[in-house]
N, C-alpha and C. Protein backbone atom coordinates (compact mmCIF):
# COMPACT_ATOMS: atom_id res chain seq x y z
N MET A 1 66.42 186.14 40.58
CA MET A 1 67.42 186.94 39.89
C MET A 1 68.71 186.14 39.81
N SER A 2 69.33 186.17 38.66
CA SER A 2 70.57 185.44 38.43
C SER A 2 71.75 186.12 39.13
N GLU A 3 72.72 185.32 39.54
CA GLU A 3 73.92 185.91 40.13
C GLU A 3 74.88 186.38 39.05
N TRP A 4 74.58 186.08 37.80
CA TRP A 4 75.41 186.52 36.68
C TRP A 4 74.91 187.86 36.17
N LYS A 5 75.78 188.84 36.10
CA LYS A 5 75.45 190.16 35.56
C LYS A 5 76.07 190.29 34.18
N SER A 6 75.44 191.03 33.28
CA SER A 6 76.01 191.20 31.95
C SER A 6 77.38 191.88 32.07
N THR A 7 78.30 191.42 31.22
CA THR A 7 79.69 191.84 31.30
C THR A 7 80.27 191.94 29.90
N LYS A 8 81.23 192.81 29.72
CA LYS A 8 81.91 192.94 28.43
C LYS A 8 82.69 191.65 28.15
N SER A 9 82.69 191.23 26.89
CA SER A 9 83.35 189.97 26.53
C SER A 9 84.86 190.03 26.76
N LYS A 10 85.45 191.19 26.66
CA LYS A 10 86.89 191.34 26.90
C LYS A 10 87.21 190.92 28.34
N LYS A 11 86.36 191.30 29.27
CA LYS A 11 86.55 190.95 30.68
C LYS A 11 86.33 189.46 30.91
N VAL A 12 85.36 188.88 30.22
CA VAL A 12 85.07 187.45 30.34
C VAL A 12 86.25 186.63 29.82
N LEU A 13 86.79 187.02 28.66
CA LEU A 13 87.94 186.31 28.09
C LEU A 13 89.14 186.39 29.03
N SER A 14 89.35 187.53 29.61
CA SER A 14 90.44 187.71 30.58
C SER A 14 90.25 186.80 31.78
N ALA A 15 89.04 186.70 32.28
CA ALA A 15 88.74 185.83 33.43
C ALA A 15 88.97 184.36 33.08
N LEU A 16 88.59 183.97 31.86
CA LEU A 16 88.81 182.58 31.43
C LEU A 16 90.29 182.26 31.39
N LYS A 17 91.09 183.20 30.91
CA LYS A 17 92.54 182.99 30.87
C LYS A 17 93.12 182.88 32.27
N LYS A 18 92.58 183.64 33.21
CA LYS A 18 93.06 183.59 34.60
C LYS A 18 92.79 182.23 35.25
N ILE A 19 91.70 181.57 34.88
CA ILE A 19 91.38 180.28 35.50
C ILE A 19 91.97 179.10 34.72
N GLY A 20 92.83 179.38 33.74
CA GLY A 20 93.56 178.30 33.09
C GLY A 20 93.29 178.05 31.63
N TRP A 21 92.37 178.77 31.03
CA TRP A 21 92.10 178.59 29.60
C TRP A 21 93.16 179.34 28.80
N SER A 22 93.54 178.78 27.65
CA SER A 22 94.49 179.46 26.77
C SER A 22 93.99 179.39 25.34
N VAL A 23 94.48 180.31 24.52
CA VAL A 23 94.05 180.39 23.12
C VAL A 23 94.75 179.29 22.33
N LYS A 24 93.96 178.43 21.72
CA LYS A 24 94.49 177.36 20.88
C LYS A 24 94.69 177.88 19.46
N ARG A 25 93.67 178.59 18.98
CA ARG A 25 93.76 179.24 17.65
C ARG A 25 92.70 180.32 17.57
N GLN A 26 92.88 181.22 16.60
CA GLN A 26 91.93 182.31 16.42
C GLN A 26 91.77 182.61 14.94
N ARG A 27 90.55 182.86 14.55
CA ARG A 27 90.25 183.28 13.19
C ARG A 27 89.20 184.38 13.30
N GLY A 28 89.63 185.62 13.15
CA GLY A 28 88.73 186.76 13.32
C GLY A 28 88.32 186.86 14.77
N SER A 29 87.01 186.95 15.02
CA SER A 29 86.53 187.05 16.40
C SER A 29 86.24 185.68 17.02
N HIS A 30 86.47 184.61 16.28
CA HIS A 30 86.24 183.26 16.80
C HIS A 30 87.54 182.73 17.39
N ILE A 31 87.52 182.53 18.70
CA ILE A 31 88.70 182.07 19.42
C ILE A 31 88.40 180.68 19.98
N THR A 32 89.28 179.72 19.69
CA THR A 32 89.15 178.39 20.27
C THR A 32 90.04 178.35 21.50
N LEU A 33 89.40 178.07 22.64
CA LEU A 33 90.12 178.01 23.91
C LEU A 33 90.30 176.56 24.32
N GLU A 34 91.44 176.27 24.98
CA GLU A 34 91.70 174.92 25.45
C GLU A 34 92.16 174.95 26.90
N ARG A 35 91.86 173.85 27.59
CA ARG A 35 92.28 173.70 28.99
C ARG A 35 92.38 172.20 29.28
N GLU A 36 93.42 171.82 29.97
CA GLU A 36 93.63 170.42 30.31
C GLU A 36 92.42 169.86 31.06
N GLY A 37 91.92 168.72 30.58
CA GLY A 37 90.80 168.07 31.24
C GLY A 37 89.42 168.57 30.82
N TRP A 38 89.35 169.54 29.93
CA TRP A 38 88.08 170.11 29.46
C TRP A 38 88.02 170.02 27.94
N ALA A 39 86.81 169.98 27.40
CA ALA A 39 86.63 170.04 25.96
C ALA A 39 86.91 171.46 25.48
N ASP A 40 87.43 171.59 24.25
CA ASP A 40 87.68 172.92 23.69
C ASP A 40 86.39 173.72 23.63
N VAL A 41 86.52 175.04 23.76
CA VAL A 41 85.38 175.95 23.76
C VAL A 41 85.60 177.02 22.71
N ILE A 42 84.57 177.33 21.94
CA ILE A 42 84.63 178.42 20.96
C ILE A 42 84.09 179.68 21.63
N PHE A 43 84.89 180.73 21.63
CA PHE A 43 84.50 182.03 22.19
C PHE A 43 84.34 182.96 20.99
N ALA A 44 83.10 183.27 20.62
CA ALA A 44 82.82 184.00 19.38
C ALA A 44 82.18 185.35 19.65
N PHE A 45 82.89 186.21 20.38
CA PHE A 45 82.38 187.54 20.70
C PHE A 45 83.43 188.58 20.36
N HIS A 46 82.99 189.75 19.91
CA HIS A 46 83.90 190.87 19.72
C HIS A 46 84.23 191.45 21.10
N ALA A 47 85.38 192.11 21.22
CA ALA A 47 85.86 192.62 22.51
C ALA A 47 84.86 193.56 23.18
N SER A 48 84.13 194.34 22.41
CA SER A 48 83.22 195.33 22.99
C SER A 48 81.80 194.78 23.20
N ASP A 49 81.55 193.53 22.80
CA ASP A 49 80.21 192.94 22.99
C ASP A 49 79.88 192.78 24.46
N GLU A 50 78.62 192.94 24.78
CA GLU A 50 78.11 192.72 26.13
C GLU A 50 77.52 191.31 26.17
N ILE A 51 77.96 190.50 27.12
CA ILE A 51 77.45 189.14 27.26
C ILE A 51 76.47 189.13 28.43
N GLY A 52 75.26 188.70 28.18
CA GLY A 52 74.21 188.71 29.20
C GLY A 52 74.37 187.60 30.22
N GLY A 53 73.60 187.69 31.28
CA GLY A 53 73.66 186.74 32.38
C GLY A 53 73.35 185.31 31.99
N ARG A 54 72.34 185.13 31.14
CA ARG A 54 71.97 183.78 30.72
C ARG A 54 73.09 183.12 29.93
N MET A 55 73.71 183.87 29.02
CA MET A 55 74.81 183.33 28.23
C MET A 55 76.01 183.02 29.12
N LEU A 56 76.28 183.87 30.10
CA LEU A 56 77.38 183.62 31.03
C LEU A 56 77.13 182.35 31.83
N ALA A 57 75.89 182.12 32.24
CA ALA A 57 75.55 180.90 32.99
C ALA A 57 75.78 179.66 32.13
N ARG A 58 75.43 179.74 30.85
CA ARG A 58 75.66 178.62 29.94
C ARG A 58 77.15 178.37 29.75
N MET A 59 77.91 179.47 29.59
CA MET A 59 79.35 179.36 29.42
C MET A 59 80.00 178.75 30.66
N ALA A 60 79.48 179.08 31.82
CA ALA A 60 80.03 178.58 33.08
C ALA A 60 79.97 177.05 33.15
N LYS A 61 78.90 176.46 32.63
CA LYS A 61 78.77 175.01 32.65
C LYS A 61 79.87 174.34 31.85
N ASN A 62 80.32 174.98 30.76
CA ASN A 62 81.34 174.39 29.88
C ASN A 62 82.76 174.80 30.22
N THR A 63 82.93 175.81 31.08
CA THR A 63 84.26 176.34 31.33
C THR A 63 84.70 176.34 32.78
N GLY A 64 83.76 176.18 33.70
CA GLY A 64 84.09 176.24 35.11
C GLY A 64 84.19 177.67 35.65
N LEU A 65 83.76 178.64 34.85
CA LEU A 65 83.78 180.05 35.26
C LEU A 65 82.78 180.28 36.39
N MET A 66 83.18 181.08 37.36
CA MET A 66 82.32 181.41 38.50
C MET A 66 82.09 182.93 38.51
N PRO A 67 80.96 183.39 39.07
CA PRO A 67 80.69 184.84 39.11
C PRO A 67 81.82 185.64 39.77
N GLU A 68 82.45 185.07 40.79
CA GLU A 68 83.52 185.80 41.47
C GLU A 68 84.81 185.89 40.64
N ASP A 69 84.89 185.12 39.54
CA ASP A 69 86.06 185.20 38.65
C ASP A 69 86.05 186.48 37.81
N LEU A 70 84.87 187.08 37.68
CA LEU A 70 84.75 188.28 36.84
C LEU A 70 85.10 189.54 37.59
């Protein structure tokens, strides 16, 4: 069983901002996030979308997000 539980995208975006990511630009629901020392990341979810555990695990590899950040 994965340690990642499905979570609302609004909560995930908030957690990313807490660990140092900031919005570089936004066009509709596509948000480009930036952080010093990391490649830019596209966050393409609506606020009410549910993000599953597998997708969160993939995002964690590119963002440094940890389960306890949520």
